[in-house]
Amino acid sequence: MKKVRRQGKFSLEKNSTRKRRMSHINYLRSREVAEAGVDVVGTACPLCQTMLEDGMGGLEMENPPRVMDLIEMVDLAMGRTY
């Protein structure tokens, strides 16, 4: 059996430049949301919520749109606060 050497490190070189980082889908979608001028964006998908939250962090905005789960939005509409 051939022994495989595992490095165990994540290659940052490919993702280190801002241009490359901003081309990822999470940043593209987050930029679209920010350009729409909304204060809040809602999603029912946990993966989408994580993707949008990560993307908003890379936009370098003073007040990026808040990413909320759909149930959080329903709770707010019913008077509950987070």
N, C-alpha and C. Protein backbone atom coordinates (compact mmCIF):
# COMPACT_ATOMS: atom_id res chain seq x y z
N MET A 1 0.84 -1.18 0.00
CA MET A 1 0.00 0.00 0.00
C MET A 1 0.89 1.24 0.00
N LYS A 2 0.56 2.18 -0.85
CA LYS A 2 1.34 3.42 -0.95
C LYS A 2 0.97 4.36 0.19
N LYS A 3 2.00 4.87 0.84
CA LYS A 3 1.78 5.80 1.94
C LYS A 3 1.62 7.21 1.39
N VAL A 4 0.57 7.89 1.82
CA VAL A 4 0.29 9.25 1.36
C VAL A 4 0.60 10.22 2.49
N ARG A 5 1.41 11.20 2.19
CA ARG A 5 1.75 12.22 3.18
C ARG A 5 0.68 13.29 3.18
N ARG A 6 0.13 13.55 4.31
CA ARG A 6 -0.92 14.57 4.44
C ARG A 6 -0.33 15.82 5.07
N GLN A 7 -0.56 16.94 4.44
CA GLN A 7 -0.04 18.22 4.94
C GLN A 7 -0.86 18.75 6.09
N GLY A 8 -2.18 18.65 5.98
CA GLY A 8 -3.04 19.14 7.05
C GLY A 8 -3.14 20.65 7.15
N LYS A 9 -2.76 21.36 6.11
CA LYS A 9 -2.88 22.82 6.15
C LYS A 9 -3.72 23.30 4.98
N PHE A 10 -4.40 24.37 5.21
CA PHE A 10 -5.24 24.97 4.18
C PHE A 10 -4.40 25.95 3.39
N SER A 11 -4.47 25.85 2.09
CA SER A 11 -3.68 26.74 1.25
C SER A 11 -4.32 28.11 1.18
N LEU A 12 -3.65 29.07 1.76
CA LEU A 12 -4.16 30.45 1.75
C LEU A 12 -3.70 31.22 0.52
N GLU A 13 -2.68 30.71 -0.15
CA GLU A 13 -2.13 31.45 -1.28
C GLU A 13 -3.18 31.70 -2.36
N LYS A 14 -4.02 30.72 -2.62
CA LYS A 14 -5.02 30.85 -3.68
C LYS A 14 -6.08 31.88 -3.34
N ASN A 15 -6.37 32.05 -2.07
CA ASN A 15 -7.47 32.92 -1.66
C ASN A 15 -7.01 34.21 -1.00
N SER A 16 -5.73 34.50 -1.07
CA SER A 16 -5.22 35.62 -0.28
C SER A 16 -5.52 36.99 -0.88
N THR A 17 -5.69 37.09 -2.17
CA THR A 17 -5.92 38.41 -2.75
C THR A 17 -7.38 38.79 -2.65
N ARG A 18 -7.61 40.06 -2.46
CA ARG A 18 -8.98 40.57 -2.33
C ARG A 18 -9.79 40.30 -3.59
N LYS A 19 -9.17 40.47 -4.75
CA LYS A 19 -9.88 40.25 -6.00
C LYS A 19 -10.40 38.82 -6.08
N ARG A 20 -9.57 37.88 -5.74
CA ARG A 20 -9.98 36.47 -5.77
C ARG A 20 -11.06 36.21 -4.72
N ARG A 21 -10.87 36.77 -3.52
CA ARG A 21 -11.81 36.56 -2.44
C ARG A 21 -13.19 37.10 -2.81
N MET A 22 -13.23 38.26 -3.44
CA MET A 22 -14.50 38.89 -3.76
C MET A 22 -15.20 38.22 -4.94
N SER A 23 -14.56 37.28 -5.60
CA SER A 23 -15.22 36.60 -6.71
C SER A 23 -16.00 35.37 -6.24
N HIS A 24 -15.84 34.97 -4.99
CA HIS A 24 -16.58 33.82 -4.48
C HIS A 24 -18.06 34.16 -4.38
N ILE A 25 -18.88 33.13 -4.51
CA ILE A 25 -20.33 33.32 -4.58
C ILE A 25 -20.90 34.02 -3.35
N ASN A 26 -20.35 33.74 -2.17
CA ASN A 26 -20.91 34.39 -0.98
C ASN A 26 -20.70 35.90 -1.02
N TYR A 27 -19.57 36.35 -1.54
CA TYR A 27 -19.35 37.79 -1.64
C TYR A 27 -20.15 38.41 -2.78
N LEU A 28 -20.31 37.67 -3.87
CA LEU A 28 -21.11 38.19 -4.98
C LEU A 28 -22.57 38.38 -4.56
N ARG A 29 -23.13 37.37 -3.90
CA ARG A 29 -24.52 37.47 -3.44
C ARG A 29 -24.68 38.56 -2.39
N SER A 30 -23.73 38.66 -1.49
CA SER A 30 -23.81 39.69 -0.45
C SER A 30 -23.73 41.08 -1.05
N ARG A 31 -22.90 41.23 -2.07
CA ARG A 31 -22.80 42.53 -2.74
C ARG A 31 -24.11 42.88 -3.43
N GLU A 32 -24.77 41.89 -4.05
CA GLU A 32 -26.07 42.13 -4.67
C GLU A 32 -27.09 42.60 -3.65
N VAL A 33 -27.09 41.96 -2.48
CA VAL A 33 -28.02 42.35 -1.41
C VAL A 33 -27.72 43.78 -0.95
N ALA A 34 -26.44 44.09 -0.74
CA ALA A 34 -26.06 45.42 -0.29
C ALA A 34 -26.42 46.49 -1.31
N GLU A 35 -26.23 46.19 -2.59
CA GLU A 35 -26.55 47.15 -3.65
C GLU A 35 -28.05 47.39 -3.77
N ALA A 36 -28.86 46.45 -3.30
CA ALA A 36 -30.31 46.62 -3.32
C ALA A 36 -30.77 47.64 -2.29
N GLY A 37 -29.89 47.97 -1.34
CA GLY A 37 -30.21 49.00 -0.36
C GLY A 37 -31.12 48.54 0.76
N VAL A 38 -31.16 47.25 1.02
CA VAL A 38 -32.03 46.73 2.08
C VAL A 38 -31.32 46.77 3.43
N ASP A 39 -32.10 46.80 4.49
CA ASP A 39 -31.54 46.75 5.84
C ASP A 39 -31.42 45.32 6.35
N VAL A 40 -32.33 44.45 5.88
CA VAL A 40 -32.40 43.07 6.35
C VAL A 40 -32.63 42.15 5.16
N VAL A 41 -31.98 41.01 5.16
CA VAL A 41 -32.25 39.96 4.18
C VAL A 41 -32.58 38.69 4.95
N GLY A 42 -33.64 38.01 4.52
CA GLY A 42 -34.07 36.81 5.21
C GLY A 42 -33.89 35.57 4.36
N THR A 43 -33.64 34.47 5.03
CA THR A 43 -33.50 33.18 4.36
C THR A 43 -33.98 32.07 5.28
N ALA A 44 -34.50 31.01 4.68
CA ALA A 44 -34.92 29.84 5.46
C ALA A 44 -33.86 28.75 5.41
N CYS A 45 -32.79 28.99 4.70
CA CYS A 45 -31.73 27.99 4.52
C CYS A 45 -30.54 28.31 5.41
N PRO A 46 -30.17 27.43 6.34
CA PRO A 46 -29.03 27.69 7.22
C PRO A 46 -27.72 27.88 6.46
N LEU A 47 -27.53 27.13 5.38
CA LEU A 47 -26.31 27.28 4.59
C LEU A 47 -26.26 28.65 3.93
N CYS A 48 -27.39 29.10 3.40
CA CYS A 48 -27.45 30.43 2.78
C CYS A 48 -27.21 31.52 3.82
N GLN A 49 -27.73 31.34 5.02
CA GLN A 49 -27.53 32.32 6.08
C GLN A 49 -26.04 32.45 6.40
N THR A 50 -25.37 31.32 6.54
CA THR A 50 -23.93 31.34 6.82
C THR A 50 -23.17 31.98 5.67
N MET A 51 -23.53 31.62 4.44
CA MET A 51 -22.87 32.17 3.26
C MET A 51 -23.02 33.69 3.21
N LEU A 52 -24.23 34.17 3.44
CA LEU A 52 -24.47 35.62 3.38
C LEU A 52 -23.77 36.35 4.53
N GLU A 53 -23.79 35.78 5.72
CA GLU A 53 -23.10 36.41 6.86
C GLU A 53 -21.61 36.52 6.59
N ASP A 54 -21.01 35.46 6.05
CA ASP A 54 -19.59 35.50 5.71
C ASP A 54 -19.31 36.55 4.64
N GLY A 55 -20.17 36.60 3.65
CA GLY A 55 -20.00 37.57 2.57
C GLY A 55 -20.15 39.00 3.02
N MET A 56 -21.09 39.25 3.91
CA MET A 56 -21.29 40.61 4.42
C MET A 56 -20.05 41.11 5.16
N GLY A 57 -19.35 40.20 5.82
CA GLY A 57 -18.13 40.57 6.53
C GLY A 57 -17.03 41.05 5.60
N GLY A 58 -17.06 40.64 4.35
CA GLY A 58 -16.03 41.04 3.40
C GLY A 58 -16.36 42.27 2.58
N LEU A 59 -17.50 42.89 2.83
CA LEU A 59 -17.92 44.03 2.02
C LEU A 59 -17.35 45.36 2.48
N GLU A 60 -16.79 45.39 3.67
CA GLU A 60 -16.21 46.62 4.22
C GLU A 60 -17.23 47.76 4.22
N MET A 61 -18.42 47.46 4.70
CA MET A 61 -19.48 48.46 4.83
C MET A 61 -19.60 48.85 6.30
N GLU A 62 -19.98 50.10 6.54
CA GLU A 62 -20.18 50.55 7.91
C GLU A 62 -21.36 49.83 8.55
N ASN A 63 -22.47 49.74 7.84
CA ASN A 63 -23.67 49.06 8.33
C ASN A 63 -24.19 48.09 7.28
N PRO A 64 -23.61 46.90 7.19
CA PRO A 64 -24.09 45.95 6.19
C PRO A 64 -25.48 45.45 6.53
N PRO A 65 -26.24 44.99 5.55
CA PRO A 65 -27.57 44.44 5.84
C PRO A 65 -27.48 43.28 6.83
N ARG A 66 -28.48 43.20 7.67
CA ARG A 66 -28.54 42.13 8.66
C ARG A 66 -29.09 40.88 7.98
N VAL A 67 -28.48 39.74 8.24
CA VAL A 67 -28.94 38.46 7.70
C VAL A 67 -29.72 37.75 8.79
N MET A 68 -30.97 37.40 8.48
CA MET A 68 -31.83 36.77 9.48
C MET A 68 -32.47 35.51 8.94
N ASP A 69 -32.69 34.56 9.82
CA ASP A 69 -33.48 33.39 9.50
C ASP A 69 -34.94 33.82 9.39
N LEU A 70 -35.69 33.14 8.56
CA LEU A 70 -37.10 33.48 8.34
C LEU A 70 -37.89 33.46 9.65
N ILE A 71 -37.60 32.50 10.52
CA ILE A 71 -38.31 32.41 11.80
C ILE A 71 -37.97 33.60 12.69
N GLU A 72 -36.74 34.09 12.63
CA GLU A 72 -36.38 35.31 13.37
C GLU A 72 -37.23 36.48 12.91
N MET A 73 -37.45 36.57 11.60
CA MET A 73 -38.25 37.66 11.06
C MET A 73 -39.70 37.55 11.51
N VAL A 74 -40.23 36.34 11.54
CA VAL A 74 -41.59 36.12 12.02
C VAL A 74 -41.69 36.51 13.49
N ASP A 75 -40.70 36.11 14.30
CA ASP A 75 -40.69 36.49 15.71
C ASP A 75 -40.69 38.00 15.89
N LEU A 76 -39.88 38.70 15.10
CA LEU A 76 -39.85 40.17 15.18
C LEU A 76 -41.20 40.76 14.81
N ALA A 77 -41.84 40.22 13.79
CA ALA A 77 -43.15 40.71 13.37
C ALA A 77 -44.20 40.49 14.46
N MET A 78 -43.98 39.47 15.28
CA MET A 78 -44.91 39.17 16.37
C MET A 78 -44.55 39.91 17.66
N GLY A 79 -43.52 40.75 17.60
CA GLY A 79 -43.17 41.56 18.75
C GLY A 79 -42.04 41.03 19.61
N ARG A 80 -41.48 39.90 19.26
CA ARG A 80 -40.34 39.37 20.01
C ARG A 80 -39.07 40.01 19.50
N THR A 81 -38.09 40.19 20.37
CA THR A 81 -36.84 40.83 19.96
C THR A 81 -35.66 39.90 20.15
N TYR A 82 -34.62 40.16 19.38
CA TYR A 82 -33.37 39.41 19.47
C TYR A 82 -32.27 40.36 19.82
